[in-house]
Amino acid sequence: MPDFPLTLVKPYLVEKGFEHIYYESDKIPTPKNTQRSTLRRGRIIIFLEEKGLLADFIEKHWSDVETKKREAEIKICKNWYYKNTGVTSVIQTTNNFYRCDNFPIDNISENSEIIKNPDILIKQAKPEQLLENIRKAFSKILPVVTNFIGNTLKEKSNNWKNYTIKNLSDITKNSLHLEGSIENFIKNLDILASFHIIINNWNEIFMNKFEKNSRKDILDYIHRLITIRNNIKAHDTMNVTEQYNKDRFDHDFGTMIFFIDHIDKNLAEELREMKKH
């Protein structure tokens, strides 16, 4: 996911006379195991919204990113900031959320709506349910990813087996069904092996299946999804389910959507709807 550009926002804040916000954002107390850069991006995004400058900044410095990706990044950063800075209440005005710690409710304009537990920002879903939704999403994308691999490998005719085992570990190789047809092989692929096959043959085969300006992002999504899948396995085997939270879920699910959108837009839309529930 393309990050909110901290390197570009600094000169922008200087130009507007708000450079102190950039430096103050680097001094935010950071809770343990919290992504500091995400906190900073969230604080600056909220500040730009409050000053009515976010749209201007986007137009000048962040317009090259797809709207859906940009909106998802903004949501994640704001969520993360609210989550980790002790928010006790939040004001919603014209679809923008503002931090409002210990603000007397009587002093808030009648045009504002107090949301003590905004569904998007502070909803506390059970970790096991979040993990289950991620598992279901991986199950949904698996046949789409394997069919994509199969159709691409078929173009290599009889050499497809050589591409599938390239740079794979012996354990992974032994788990593959290389005897028989490519259809049988694809039917038995798991998601991790699928991701590794794409990465290991990226330059030779798969890179050219995507638009040139999207290739770097797609490869990054795949690497992230491998990490996400391994983390899910760790949660399952080490019984640390309680450590999985809504912020992690939003990041993980969003990464999956951004990746699959380049292969099957209908499935990407289905996942977006699934993520809402």
Foldseek 3Di string as FASTA:
>chain_A
DDADDLVVVQVVCVVVVNNVLQVVLQVQDDDPPADSVLLSSLSVCQVCVVVVNNVVCCVVPPVVDDPVVVVLNNLLSVLSNCVGRDAQKWKADPNDIHGDRPNPPVPDDPRIDIDRADPSRHDWDQLVVLLVLLVVLQVVCLLLLLVVLLVQLVVVPPCSVVLLPQPDDPVQVVQFDPPDDSVVRSVRDHDLSSLVSCVRCVVPTPVVLFDPVCSVVLNVLSVVLNVVVVVSVCCVPVVPSRVGTPSNSSVNLVSSLVNCCRRDVVSSVVSVVSVSD
